[in-house]
């Protein structure tokens, strides 16, 4: 059974906290691979932002260059289009790759929204969850989801594993705002900053 982590988001733009979260997952979850899944359209955000899907994908590819040989981009949600729901994605992946165990990787800022995910119960019948604390966002675990706390991921679905803190308080929305107003943007990988500057993105 292969062990795969899934790190989803708009990545608009990708930043150092995304990369730190990926490194923590690779270090602590004994993964065979980690897939970044850029959303087509998030159900939790009204719009993916100011740039095209192709530009977001190019920025993500640049951010991941040289990160780890186990990291790749899963284009399923971009190719499917429309609103991206984790339950739909997991069902497609599980049918396509029945010999793979899945674990979602996210920051603690997303925990409070989990009960509002579409078909959340179905999500955790198919996957486990690994959460890294984000500064200022405590690990308040929802009590109404079918998750059981585990010290390590066994490969079974429905487990919740704590990762160390990312120690980085970064948000793509704040970075976009800084870019629009020509403010210094700490937290962008150099490769991403170069593309944004060369193509005058977010202006």
N, C-alpha and C. Protein backbone atom coordinates (compact mmCIF):
# COMPACT_ATOMS: atom_id res chain seq x y z
N UNK A 1 0.85 -1.20 0.00
CA UNK A 1 0.00 0.00 0.00
C UNK A 1 0.88 1.25 0.00
N UNK A 2 0.71 2.06 -1.04
CA UNK A 2 1.45 3.32 -1.09
C UNK A 2 0.83 4.33 -0.13
N UNK A 3 1.66 5.20 0.42
CA UNK A 3 1.22 6.22 1.36
C UNK A 3 1.40 7.59 0.70
N UNK A 4 0.30 8.29 0.48
CA UNK A 4 0.35 9.56 -0.25
C UNK A 4 -0.29 10.68 0.56
N UNK A 5 0.43 11.78 0.66
CA UNK A 5 -0.11 12.99 1.26
C UNK A 5 -0.71 13.88 0.20
N UNK A 6 -1.77 14.60 0.56
CA UNK A 6 -2.45 15.52 -0.36
C UNK A 6 -2.48 16.90 0.29
N UNK A 7 -1.88 17.88 -0.38
CA UNK A 7 -1.84 19.24 0.13
C UNK A 7 -2.54 20.13 -0.89
N UNK A 8 -3.76 20.51 -0.58
CA UNK A 8 -4.57 21.26 -1.53
C UNK A 8 -4.62 22.75 -1.22
N UNK A 9 -4.98 23.53 -2.22
CA UNK A 9 -5.14 24.96 -2.03
C UNK A 9 -5.11 25.70 -3.35
N UNK A 10 -5.40 26.98 -3.29
CA UNK A 10 -5.33 27.79 -4.51
C UNK A 10 -3.87 28.07 -4.89
N UNK A 11 -2.98 28.15 -3.89
CA UNK A 11 -1.56 28.46 -4.13
C UNK A 11 -1.45 29.72 -5.00
N UNK A 12 -2.04 30.78 -4.48
CA UNK A 12 -2.22 32.00 -5.26
C UNK A 12 -1.75 33.23 -4.48
N UNK A 13 -0.42 33.41 -4.31
CA UNK A 13 0.66 32.58 -4.83
C UNK A 13 1.12 31.54 -3.80
N UNK A 14 1.91 30.54 -4.24
CA UNK A 14 2.53 29.62 -3.29
C UNK A 14 3.59 30.36 -2.48
N UNK A 15 3.70 30.00 -1.21
CA UNK A 15 4.66 30.70 -0.35
C UNK A 15 5.42 29.71 0.54
N UNK A 16 6.32 30.27 1.36
CA UNK A 16 7.22 29.44 2.15
C UNK A 16 6.49 28.58 3.18
N UNK A 17 5.34 29.03 3.68
CA UNK A 17 4.60 28.20 4.63
C UNK A 17 4.05 26.95 3.96
N UNK A 18 3.65 27.05 2.68
CA UNK A 18 3.24 25.85 1.95
C UNK A 18 4.40 24.86 1.86
N UNK A 19 5.58 25.37 1.58
CA UNK A 19 6.75 24.49 1.45
C UNK A 19 7.15 23.90 2.79
N UNK A 20 7.06 24.70 3.86
CA UNK A 20 7.38 24.18 5.20
C UNK A 20 6.40 23.08 5.59
N UNK A 21 5.11 23.28 5.28
CA UNK A 21 4.11 22.26 5.57
C UNK A 21 4.42 20.97 4.82
N UNK A 22 4.84 21.09 3.58
CA UNK A 22 5.21 19.90 2.80
C UNK A 22 6.40 19.19 3.42
N UNK A 23 7.41 19.94 3.84
CA UNK A 23 8.59 19.32 4.46
C UNK A 23 8.23 18.60 5.75
N UNK A 24 7.36 19.20 6.56
CA UNK A 24 6.93 18.55 7.79
C UNK A 24 6.20 17.24 7.50
N UNK A 25 5.34 17.25 6.50
CA UNK A 25 4.62 16.04 6.14
C UNK A 25 5.57 14.95 5.67
N UNK A 26 6.52 15.31 4.84
CA UNK A 26 7.48 14.33 4.34
C UNK A 26 8.36 13.77 5.46
N UNK A 27 8.67 14.61 6.42
CA UNK A 27 9.54 14.19 7.52
C UNK A 27 8.83 13.29 8.52
N UNK A 28 7.54 13.54 8.76
CA UNK A 28 6.86 12.90 9.89
C UNK A 28 5.83 11.84 9.51
N UNK A 29 5.45 11.73 8.25
CA UNK A 29 4.36 10.83 7.89
C UNK A 29 4.78 9.59 7.11
N UNK A 30 6.07 9.42 6.87
CA UNK A 30 6.57 8.24 6.15
C UNK A 30 5.85 8.09 4.81
N UNK A 31 5.86 9.16 4.03
CA UNK A 31 5.13 9.17 2.76
C UNK A 31 5.96 8.62 1.61
N UNK A 32 5.29 7.93 0.71
CA UNK A 32 5.92 7.56 -0.56
C UNK A 32 5.87 8.72 -1.54
N UNK A 33 4.85 9.59 -1.39
CA UNK A 33 4.76 10.77 -2.24
C UNK A 33 3.88 11.81 -1.57
N UNK A 34 4.06 13.04 -1.99
CA UNK A 34 3.22 14.15 -1.54
C UNK A 34 2.77 14.90 -2.78
N UNK A 35 1.45 15.04 -2.92
CA UNK A 35 0.89 15.71 -4.08
C UNK A 35 0.30 17.06 -3.69
N UNK A 36 0.73 18.10 -4.35
CA UNK A 36 0.08 19.40 -4.25
C UNK A 36 -1.10 19.39 -5.22
N UNK A 37 -2.27 19.80 -4.74
CA UNK A 37 -3.47 19.79 -5.57
C UNK A 37 -4.01 21.22 -5.68
N UNK A 38 -3.67 21.93 -6.75
CA UNK A 38 -4.26 23.27 -6.93
C UNK A 38 -5.75 23.17 -7.26
N UNK A 39 -6.55 23.95 -6.56
CA UNK A 39 -7.99 23.93 -6.79
C UNK A 39 -8.33 24.63 -8.10
N UNK A 40 -9.44 24.22 -8.69
CA UNK A 40 -9.99 24.98 -9.82
C UNK A 40 -10.72 26.19 -9.26
N UNK A 41 -11.69 25.94 -8.38
CA UNK A 41 -12.37 27.03 -7.67
C UNK A 41 -12.73 26.52 -6.29
N UNK A 42 -12.25 27.21 -5.26
CA UNK A 42 -12.51 26.78 -3.89
C UNK A 42 -13.94 27.10 -3.49
N UNK A 43 -14.62 26.17 -2.79
CA UNK A 43 -15.96 26.47 -2.29
C UNK A 43 -15.94 27.46 -1.13
N UNK A 44 -14.74 27.69 -0.54
CA UNK A 44 -14.63 28.55 0.64
C UNK A 44 -14.13 29.95 0.30
N UNK A 45 -13.78 30.19 -0.96
CA UNK A 45 -13.27 31.49 -1.36
C UNK A 45 -14.00 31.89 -2.64
N UNK A 46 -14.44 33.13 -2.77
CA UNK A 46 -15.30 33.51 -3.90
C UNK A 46 -14.59 33.47 -5.24
N UNK A 47 -13.30 33.67 -5.27
CA UNK A 47 -12.56 33.68 -6.54
C UNK A 47 -11.12 33.31 -6.29
N UNK A 48 -10.47 32.60 -7.23
CA UNK A 48 -9.07 32.24 -7.01
C UNK A 48 -8.12 33.41 -7.11
N UNK A 49 -8.57 34.58 -7.50
CA UNK A 49 -7.68 35.75 -7.49
C UNK A 49 -7.52 36.38 -8.84
N UNK A 50 -6.36 36.98 -9.05
CA UNK A 50 -6.15 37.87 -10.19
C UNK A 50 -5.45 37.21 -11.38
N UNK A 51 -5.04 35.99 -11.27
CA UNK A 51 -4.24 35.38 -12.33
C UNK A 51 -4.93 34.12 -12.84
N UNK A 52 -4.48 33.62 -13.97
CA UNK A 52 -5.11 32.46 -14.59
C UNK A 52 -4.66 31.16 -13.91
N UNK A 53 -5.42 30.09 -14.18
CA UNK A 53 -5.02 28.78 -13.68
C UNK A 53 -3.63 28.41 -14.18
N UNK A 54 -3.35 28.70 -15.44
CA UNK A 54 -2.04 28.36 -16.01
C UNK A 54 -0.92 29.11 -15.29
N UNK A 55 -1.18 30.36 -14.93
CA UNK A 55 -0.17 31.14 -14.20
C UNK A 55 0.02 30.60 -12.78
N UNK A 56 -1.09 30.25 -12.12
CA UNK A 56 -0.98 29.65 -10.78
C UNK A 56 -0.17 28.36 -10.84
N UNK A 57 -0.43 27.56 -11.86
CA UNK A 57 0.28 26.30 -12.00
C UNK A 57 1.77 26.54 -12.24
N UNK A 58 2.09 27.52 -13.05
CA UNK A 58 3.50 27.84 -13.32
C UNK A 58 4.20 28.30 -12.04
N UNK A 59 3.53 29.10 -11.23
CA UNK A 59 4.12 29.55 -9.97
C UNK A 59 4.35 28.36 -9.03
N UNK A 60 3.38 27.45 -8.97
CA UNK A 60 3.54 26.29 -8.10
C UNK A 60 4.67 25.40 -8.58
N UNK A 61 4.77 25.19 -9.87
CA UNK A 61 5.88 24.39 -10.40
C UNK A 61 7.22 25.01 -10.04
N UNK A 62 7.31 26.33 -10.13
CA UNK A 62 8.56 27.01 -9.78
C UNK A 62 8.86 26.86 -8.30
N UNK A 63 7.84 26.97 -7.45
CA UNK A 63 8.04 26.86 -6.01
C UNK A 63 8.55 25.48 -5.60
N UNK A 64 8.13 24.45 -6.32
CA UNK A 64 8.44 23.08 -5.93
C UNK A 64 9.75 22.56 -6.53
N UNK A 65 10.38 23.34 -7.39
CA UNK A 65 11.63 22.89 -8.01
C UNK A 65 12.66 22.56 -6.94
N UNK A 66 13.15 21.33 -6.97
CA UNK A 66 14.21 20.93 -6.06
C UNK A 66 13.76 20.65 -4.64
N UNK A 67 12.46 20.65 -4.37
CA UNK A 67 11.99 20.45 -2.99
C UNK A 67 12.27 19.04 -2.49
N UNK A 68 11.79 18.03 -3.19
CA UNK A 68 11.97 16.63 -2.80
C UNK A 68 11.49 15.79 -3.97
N UNK A 69 12.16 14.68 -4.22
CA UNK A 69 11.80 13.85 -5.37
C UNK A 69 10.43 13.19 -5.20
N UNK A 70 9.91 13.18 -3.97
CA UNK A 70 8.60 12.56 -3.72
C UNK A 70 7.44 13.52 -3.98
N UNK A 71 7.75 14.77 -4.28
CA UNK A 71 6.72 15.79 -4.46
C UNK A 71 6.33 15.91 -5.92
N UNK A 72 5.02 15.99 -6.17
CA UNK A 72 4.55 16.25 -7.52
C UNK A 72 3.24 17.01 -7.46
N UNK A 73 2.78 17.48 -8.59
CA UNK A 73 1.53 18.22 -8.69
C UNK A 73 0.45 17.30 -9.26
N UNK A 74 -0.67 17.24 -8.58
CA UNK A 74 -1.84 16.50 -9.05
C UNK A 74 -2.79 17.51 -9.68
N UNK A 75 -3.04 17.38 -10.99
CA UNK A 75 -3.83 18.36 -11.73
C UNK A 75 -5.31 18.01 -11.82
N UNK A 76 -5.75 17.02 -11.08
CA UNK A 76 -7.12 16.50 -11.20
C UNK A 76 -8.17 17.60 -11.09
N UNK A 77 -8.06 18.46 -10.08
CA UNK A 77 -9.11 19.46 -9.87
C UNK A 77 -9.09 20.54 -10.95
N UNK A 78 -7.90 20.93 -11.40
CA UNK A 78 -7.82 21.89 -12.50
C UNK A 78 -8.41 21.31 -13.77
N UNK A 79 -8.15 20.04 -14.06
CA UNK A 79 -8.66 19.42 -15.27
C UNK A 79 -10.16 19.21 -15.20
N UNK A 80 -10.68 18.94 -14.01
CA UNK A 80 -12.12 18.72 -13.85
C UNK A 80 -12.88 20.05 -13.94
N UNK A 81 -12.27 21.13 -13.45
CA UNK A 81 -12.90 22.44 -13.48
C UNK A 81 -14.03 22.55 -12.49
N UNK A 82 -14.64 23.73 -12.44
CA UNK A 82 -15.75 23.96 -11.52
C UNK A 82 -15.27 24.06 -10.09
N UNK A 83 -16.23 23.98 -9.16
CA UNK A 83 -15.89 24.05 -7.74
C UNK A 83 -15.22 22.77 -7.30
N UNK A 84 -14.14 22.90 -6.53
CA UNK A 84 -13.36 21.75 -6.10
C UNK A 84 -13.80 21.29 -4.72
N UNK A 85 -14.24 20.05 -4.63
CA UNK A 85 -14.64 19.47 -3.35
C UNK A 85 -13.72 18.29 -3.03
N UNK A 86 -13.20 18.27 -1.81
CA UNK A 86 -12.25 17.23 -1.42
C UNK A 86 -12.87 15.85 -1.51
N UNK A 87 -14.13 15.71 -1.14
CA UNK A 87 -14.78 14.39 -1.19
C UNK A 87 -14.78 13.85 -2.62
N UNK A 88 -15.09 14.69 -3.60
CA UNK A 88 -15.09 14.26 -4.99
C UNK A 88 -13.70 13.85 -5.43
N UNK A 89 -12.72 14.64 -5.04
CA UNK A 89 -11.34 14.35 -5.43
C UNK A 89 -10.87 13.03 -4.84
N UNK A 90 -11.16 12.81 -3.57
CA UNK A 90 -10.74 11.57 -2.93
C UNK A 90 -11.43 10.36 -3.54
N UNK A 91 -12.70 10.49 -3.89
CA UNK A 91 -13.40 9.36 -4.51
C UNK A 91 -12.78 9.03 -5.86
N UNK A 92 -12.43 10.06 -6.63
CA UNK A 92 -11.80 9.82 -7.93
C UNK A 92 -10.43 9.17 -7.75
N UNK A 93 -9.63 9.70 -6.84
CA UNK A 93 -8.29 9.15 -6.61
C UNK A 93 -8.36 7.72 -6.09
N UNK A 94 -9.29 7.45 -5.17
CA UNK A 94 -9.39 6.11 -4.59
C UNK A 94 -9.82 5.08 -5.62
N UNK A 95 -10.68 5.49 -6.54
CA UNK A 95 -11.09 4.59 -7.62
C UNK A 95 -9.94 4.36 -8.59
N UNK A 96 -9.22 5.42 -8.90
CA UNK A 96 -8.12 5.35 -9.85
C UNK A 96 -6.92 4.59 -9.28
N UNK A 97 -6.70 4.74 -7.96
CA UNK A 97 -5.52 4.15 -7.32
C UNK A 97 -5.93 3.43 -6.05
N UNK A 98 -6.54 2.26 -6.19
CA UNK A 98 -7.08 1.57 -5.01
C UNK A 98 -6.03 1.07 -4.03
N UNK A 99 -4.78 1.00 -4.45
CA UNK A 99 -3.72 0.52 -3.56
C UNK A 99 -2.96 1.65 -2.89
N UNK A 100 -3.57 2.82 -2.78
CA UNK A 100 -2.93 3.97 -2.14
C UNK A 100 -3.74 4.41 -0.94
N UNK A 101 -3.04 4.69 0.17
CA UNK A 101 -3.65 5.27 1.37
C UNK A 101 -3.41 6.77 1.33
N UNK A 102 -4.42 7.56 1.74
CA UNK A 102 -4.38 9.01 1.59
C UNK A 102 -4.42 9.72 2.93
N UNK A 103 -3.66 10.79 3.03
CA UNK A 103 -3.72 11.65 4.20
C UNK A 103 -3.68 13.10 3.75
N UNK A 104 -4.66 13.87 4.20
CA UNK A 104 -4.73 15.30 3.89
C UNK A 104 -3.80 16.06 4.82
N UNK A 105 -3.09 17.02 4.27
CA UNK A 105 -2.12 17.80 5.03
C UNK A 105 -2.58 19.26 5.02
N UNK A 106 -2.76 19.85 6.20
CA UNK A 106 -3.22 21.24 6.24
C UNK A 106 -2.76 21.93 7.52
N UNK A 107 -2.94 23.24 7.52
CA UNK A 107 -2.59 24.04 8.68
C UNK A 107 -3.77 24.18 9.62
N UNK A 108 -3.48 24.54 10.88
CA UNK A 108 -4.53 24.61 11.89
C UNK A 108 -5.56 25.69 11.61
N UNK A 109 -5.22 26.66 10.74
CA UNK A 109 -6.19 27.71 10.41
C UNK A 109 -7.41 27.14 9.66
N UNK A 110 -7.28 25.95 9.10
CA UNK A 110 -8.38 25.35 8.35
C UNK A 110 -9.27 24.44 9.19
N UNK A 111 -8.88 24.18 10.44
CA UNK A 111 -9.61 23.21 11.25
C UNK A 111 -11.05 23.62 11.51
N UNK A 112 -11.27 24.88 11.83
CA UNK A 112 -12.62 25.31 12.21
C UNK A 112 -13.62 25.13 11.07
N UNK A 113 -13.14 25.13 9.83
CA UNK A 113 -14.03 24.99 8.69
C UNK A 113 -14.32 23.56 8.30
N UNK A 114 -13.64 22.58 8.90
CA UNK A 114 -13.82 21.19 8.47
C UNK A 114 -15.26 20.70 8.56
N UNK A 115 -16.00 21.00 9.62
CA UNK A 115 -17.38 20.49 9.67
C UNK A 115 -18.26 21.01 8.55
N UNK A 116 -17.86 22.11 7.91
CA UNK A 116 -18.66 22.67 6.82
C UNK A 116 -18.24 22.12 5.45
N UNK A 117 -17.22 21.27 5.42
CA UNK A 117 -16.83 20.69 4.14
C UNK A 117 -17.97 19.84 3.61
N UNK A 118 -18.12 19.85 2.31
CA UNK A 118 -19.15 19.02 1.67
C UNK A 118 -18.83 17.54 1.91
N UNK A 119 -19.80 16.83 2.45
CA UNK A 119 -19.68 15.39 2.73
C UNK A 119 -18.40 15.09 3.52
N UNK A 120 -18.24 15.80 4.63
CA UNK A 120 -17.03 15.63 5.45
C UNK A 120 -16.87 14.19 5.94
N UNK A 121 -17.98 13.54 6.27
CA UNK A 121 -17.90 12.16 6.73
C UNK A 121 -17.30 11.26 5.66
N UNK A 122 -17.66 11.50 4.40
CA UNK A 122 -17.11 10.71 3.30
C UNK A 122 -15.61 10.95 3.16
N UNK A 123 -15.18 12.20 3.38
CA UNK A 123 -13.76 12.52 3.29
C UNK A 123 -12.95 11.63 4.23
N UNK A 124 -13.42 11.50 5.49
CA UNK A 124 -12.61 10.79 6.48
C UNK A 124 -12.91 9.31 6.54
N UNK A 125 -13.79 8.83 5.66
CA UNK A 125 -13.87 7.39 5.40
C UNK A 125 -12.80 6.97 4.40
N UNK A 126 -12.28 7.95 3.66
CA UNK A 126 -11.30 7.65 2.62
C UNK A 126 -9.89 8.11 2.97
N UNK A 127 -9.75 9.04 3.90
CA UNK A 127 -8.43 9.63 4.17
C UNK A 127 -8.28 9.95 5.64
N UNK A 128 -7.04 10.13 6.04
CA UNK A 128 -6.72 10.65 7.36
C UNK A 128 -6.36 12.12 7.24
N UNK A 129 -5.96 12.72 8.36
CA UNK A 129 -5.70 14.15 8.41
C UNK A 129 -4.45 14.41 9.23
N UNK A 130 -3.53 15.21 8.67
CA UNK A 130 -2.34 15.66 9.40
C UNK A 130 -2.39 17.18 9.47
N UNK A 131 -2.24 17.72 10.69
CA UNK A 131 -2.41 19.16 10.90
C UNK A 131 -1.18 19.74 11.58
N UNK A 132 -0.66 20.82 11.00
CA UNK A 132 0.45 21.56 11.60
C UNK A 132 -0.09 22.87 12.14
N UNK A 133 0.30 23.22 13.35
CA UNK A 133 -0.17 24.47 13.93
C UNK A 133 0.43 25.66 13.20
N UNK A 134 -0.42 26.62 12.88
CA UNK A 134 0.02 27.88 12.31
C UNK A 134 0.03 28.93 13.42
N UNK A 135 1.06 29.77 13.51
CA UNK A 135 1.11 30.75 14.59
C UNK A 135 -0.18 31.56 14.68
N UNK A 136 -0.70 31.66 15.92
CA UNK A 136 -1.93 32.40 16.13
C UNK A 136 -3.18 31.62 15.85
N UNK A 137 -3.05 30.39 15.39
CA UNK A 137 -4.21 29.54 15.07
C UNK A 137 -4.10 28.25 15.87
N UNK A 138 -4.70 28.18 17.04
CA UNK A 138 -4.53 27.01 17.91
C UNK A 138 -5.14 25.76 17.30
N UNK A 139 -4.71 24.64 17.84
CA UNK A 139 -5.19 23.34 17.36
C UNK A 139 -6.52 23.00 18.02
N UNK A 140 -7.56 23.70 17.62
CA UNK A 140 -8.90 23.41 18.13
C UNK A 140 -9.53 22.35 17.24
N UNK A 141 -9.54 21.12 17.72
CA UNK A 141 -9.99 20.00 16.90
C UNK A 141 -11.51 19.89 16.93
N UNK A 142 -12.16 19.85 15.77
CA UNK A 142 -13.62 19.69 15.75
C UNK A 142 -14.02 18.36 16.38
N UNK A 143 -15.01 18.42 17.25
CA UNK A 143 -15.42 17.21 17.95
C UNK A 143 -16.50 16.43 17.26
N UNK A 144 -17.04 16.95 16.15
CA UNK A 144 -18.18 16.30 15.51
C UNK A 144 -17.81 15.65 14.19
N UNK A 145 -16.56 15.26 14.03
CA UNK A 145 -16.12 14.58 12.83
C UNK A 145 -15.60 13.18 13.19
N UNK A 146 -15.72 12.23 12.26
CA UNK A 146 -15.27 10.86 12.55
C UNK A 146 -13.76 10.73 12.47
N UNK A 147 -13.06 11.38 13.41
CA UNK A 147 -11.60 11.36 13.45
C UNK A 147 -11.15 10.87 14.82
N UNK A 148 -10.11 10.06 14.83
CA UNK A 148 -9.54 9.60 16.09
C UNK A 148 -8.07 10.02 16.13
N UNK A 149 -7.66 10.61 17.25
CA UNK A 149 -6.30 11.10 17.40
C UNK A 149 -5.33 9.92 17.43
N UNK A 150 -4.24 10.04 16.67
CA UNK A 150 -3.24 8.97 16.62
C UNK A 150 -1.85 9.60 16.70
N UNK A 151 -0.91 8.94 17.40
CA UNK A 151 0.45 9.49 17.49
C UNK A 151 1.21 9.43 16.17
N UNK A 152 0.88 8.44 15.35
CA UNK A 152 1.52 8.27 14.04
C UNK A 152 0.45 7.76 13.07
N UNK A 153 0.63 8.08 11.80
CA UNK A 153 -0.34 7.61 10.82
C UNK A 153 -0.09 6.16 10.47
N UNK A 154 -1.08 5.31 10.72
CA UNK A 154 -0.95 3.88 10.45
C UNK A 154 -1.15 3.55 8.98
N UNK A 155 -1.73 4.48 8.23
CA UNK A 155 -2.13 4.22 6.86
C UNK A 155 -3.63 4.02 6.73
N UNK A 156 -4.31 3.89 7.86
CA UNK A 156 -5.77 3.73 7.84
C UNK A 156 -6.43 5.10 7.71
N UNK A 157 -7.66 5.14 7.19
CA UNK A 157 -8.40 6.40 7.14
C UNK A 157 -8.97 6.76 8.52
N UNK A 158 -9.34 8.03 8.67
CA UNK A 158 -10.02 8.47 9.88
C UNK A 158 -9.12 8.81 11.04
N UNK A 159 -7.82 8.84 10.84
CA UNK A 159 -6.89 9.20 11.91
C UNK A 159 -6.52 10.69 11.80
N UNK A 160 -6.25 11.30 12.94
CA UNK A 160 -5.79 12.68 12.99
C UNK A 160 -4.42 12.70 13.65
N UNK A 161 -3.44 13.20 12.92
CA UNK A 161 -2.05 13.24 13.38
C UNK A 161 -1.60 14.69 13.48
N UNK A 162 -0.96 15.03 14.57
CA UNK A 162 -0.43 16.38 14.74
C UNK A 162 0.98 16.45 14.17
N UNK A 163 1.24 17.51 13.40
CA UNK A 163 2.58 17.80 12.91
C UNK A 163 3.14 18.98 13.71
N UNK A 164 4.46 19.16 13.73
CA UNK A 164 5.02 20.35 14.38
C UNK A 164 4.53 21.63 13.71
N UNK A 165 4.66 22.73 14.41
CA UNK A 165 4.22 24.01 13.87
C UNK A 165 5.06 24.41 12.66
N UNK A 166 4.43 25.08 11.71
CA UNK A 166 5.18 25.65 10.59
C UNK A 166 6.02 26.84 11.04
N UNK A 167 5.63 27.47 12.15
CA UNK A 167 6.33 28.66 12.68
C UNK A 167 6.35 29.81 11.69
N UNK A 168 5.48 29.77 10.70
CA UNK A 168 5.39 30.82 9.68
C UNK A 168 3.95 31.29 9.59
N UNK A 169 3.74 32.58 9.79
CA UNK A 169 2.40 33.15 9.70
C UNK A 169 2.27 33.87 8.37
N UNK A 170 1.99 33.10 7.33
CA UNK A 170 1.89 33.63 5.97
C UNK A 170 0.52 33.29 5.40
N UNK A 171 -0.01 34.21 4.61
CA UNK A 171 -1.29 33.97 3.92
C UNK A 171 -1.18 34.53 2.51
N UNK A 172 -1.65 33.75 1.54
CA UNK A 172 -1.59 34.20 0.14
C UNK A 172 -2.36 35.50 -0.06
N UNK A 173 -3.49 35.66 0.65
CA UNK A 173 -4.28 36.89 0.47
C UNK A 173 -3.48 38.12 0.89
N UNK A 174 -2.73 38.02 1.98
CA UNK A 174 -1.91 39.15 2.42
C UNK A 174 -0.77 39.42 1.45
N UNK A 175 -0.19 38.35 0.92
CA UNK A 175 0.89 38.53 -0.05
C UNK A 175 0.38 39.18 -1.32
N UNK A 176 -0.82 38.79 -1.76
CA UNK A 176 -1.38 39.43 -2.95
C UNK A 176 -1.59 40.92 -2.72
N UNK A 177 -2.08 41.25 -1.53
CA UNK A 177 -2.31 42.66 -1.21
C UNK A 177 -0.98 43.43 -1.20
N UNK A 178 0.06 42.82 -0.63
CA UNK A 178 1.38 43.47 -0.64
C UNK A 178 1.87 43.68 -2.07
N UNK A 179 1.67 42.69 -2.91
CA UNK A 179 2.13 42.81 -4.29
C UNK A 179 1.37 43.90 -5.04
N UNK A 180 0.07 43.99 -4.81
CA UNK A 180 -0.71 45.03 -5.48
C UNK A 180 -0.24 46.43 -5.09
N UNK A 181 0.22 46.57 -3.84
CA UNK A 181 0.62 47.89 -3.35
C UNK A 181 2.13 48.07 -3.35
N UNK A 182 2.83 47.16 -4.05
CA UNK A 182 4.29 47.27 -4.21
C UNK A 182 5.02 47.32 -2.87
N UNK A 183 4.49 46.57 -1.89
CA UNK A 183 5.18 46.45 -0.62
C UNK A 183 6.11 45.25 -0.65
N UNK A 184 7.11 45.27 0.20
CA UNK A 184 8.05 44.14 0.29
C UNK A 184 7.28 42.88 0.64
N UNK A 185 7.60 41.79 0.00
CA UNK A 185 6.87 40.53 0.21
C UNK A 185 7.84 39.46 0.68
N UNK A 186 8.06 39.41 1.97
CA UNK A 186 8.82 38.30 2.54
C UNK A 186 7.92 37.07 2.55
N UNK A 187 8.52 35.92 2.35
CA UNK A 187 7.76 34.69 2.39
C UNK A 187 7.51 34.05 1.04
N UNK A 188 7.88 34.76 -0.03
CA UNK A 188 7.78 34.15 -1.37
C UNK A 188 9.08 33.44 -1.72
N UNK A 189 9.02 32.21 -2.23
CA UNK A 189 10.24 31.61 -2.75
C UNK A 189 10.83 32.49 -3.85
N UNK A 190 12.15 32.53 -3.94
CA UNK A 190 12.81 33.40 -4.91
C UNK A 190 12.35 33.11 -6.33
N UNK A 191 12.15 31.83 -6.66
CA UNK A 191 11.73 31.46 -8.01
C UNK A 191 10.35 32.01 -8.33
N UNK A 192 9.48 32.03 -7.33
CA UNK A 192 8.13 32.56 -7.50
C UNK A 192 8.17 34.07 -7.65
N UNK A 193 8.96 34.72 -6.80
CA UNK A 193 9.08 36.18 -6.86
C UNK A 193 9.61 36.63 -8.22
N UNK A 194 10.53 35.87 -8.79
CA UNK A 194 11.09 36.24 -10.10
C UNK A 194 10.02 36.22 -11.19
N UNK A 195 9.20 35.18 -11.20
CA UNK A 195 8.14 35.09 -12.21
C UNK A 195 7.12 36.20 -12.02
N UNK A 196 6.73 36.44 -10.78
CA UNK A 196 5.75 37.49 -10.50
C UNK A 196 6.28 38.84 -10.98
N UNK A 197 7.56 39.11 -10.72
CA UNK A 197 8.14 40.38 -11.16
C UNK A 197 8.26 40.46 -12.67
N UNK A 198 8.70 39.37 -13.28
CA UNK A 198 8.91 39.39 -14.74
C UNK A 198 7.61 39.53 -15.50
N UNK A 199 6.52 38.93 -14.97
CA UNK A 199 5.23 38.97 -15.67
C UNK A 199 4.28 40.02 -15.10
N UNK A 200 4.77 40.76 -14.11
CA UNK A 200 3.98 41.84 -13.52
C UNK A 200 2.63 41.33 -13.02
N UNK A 201 2.65 40.21 -12.31
CA UNK A 201 1.43 39.60 -11.79
C UNK A 201 0.94 40.32 -10.56
N UNK A 202 -0.37 40.23 -10.32
CA UNK A 202 -1.05 40.80 -9.16
C UNK A 202 -1.06 42.32 -9.16
N UNK A 203 -0.79 42.94 -10.28
CA UNK A 203 -0.79 44.41 -10.35
C UNK A 203 -2.12 44.90 -10.91
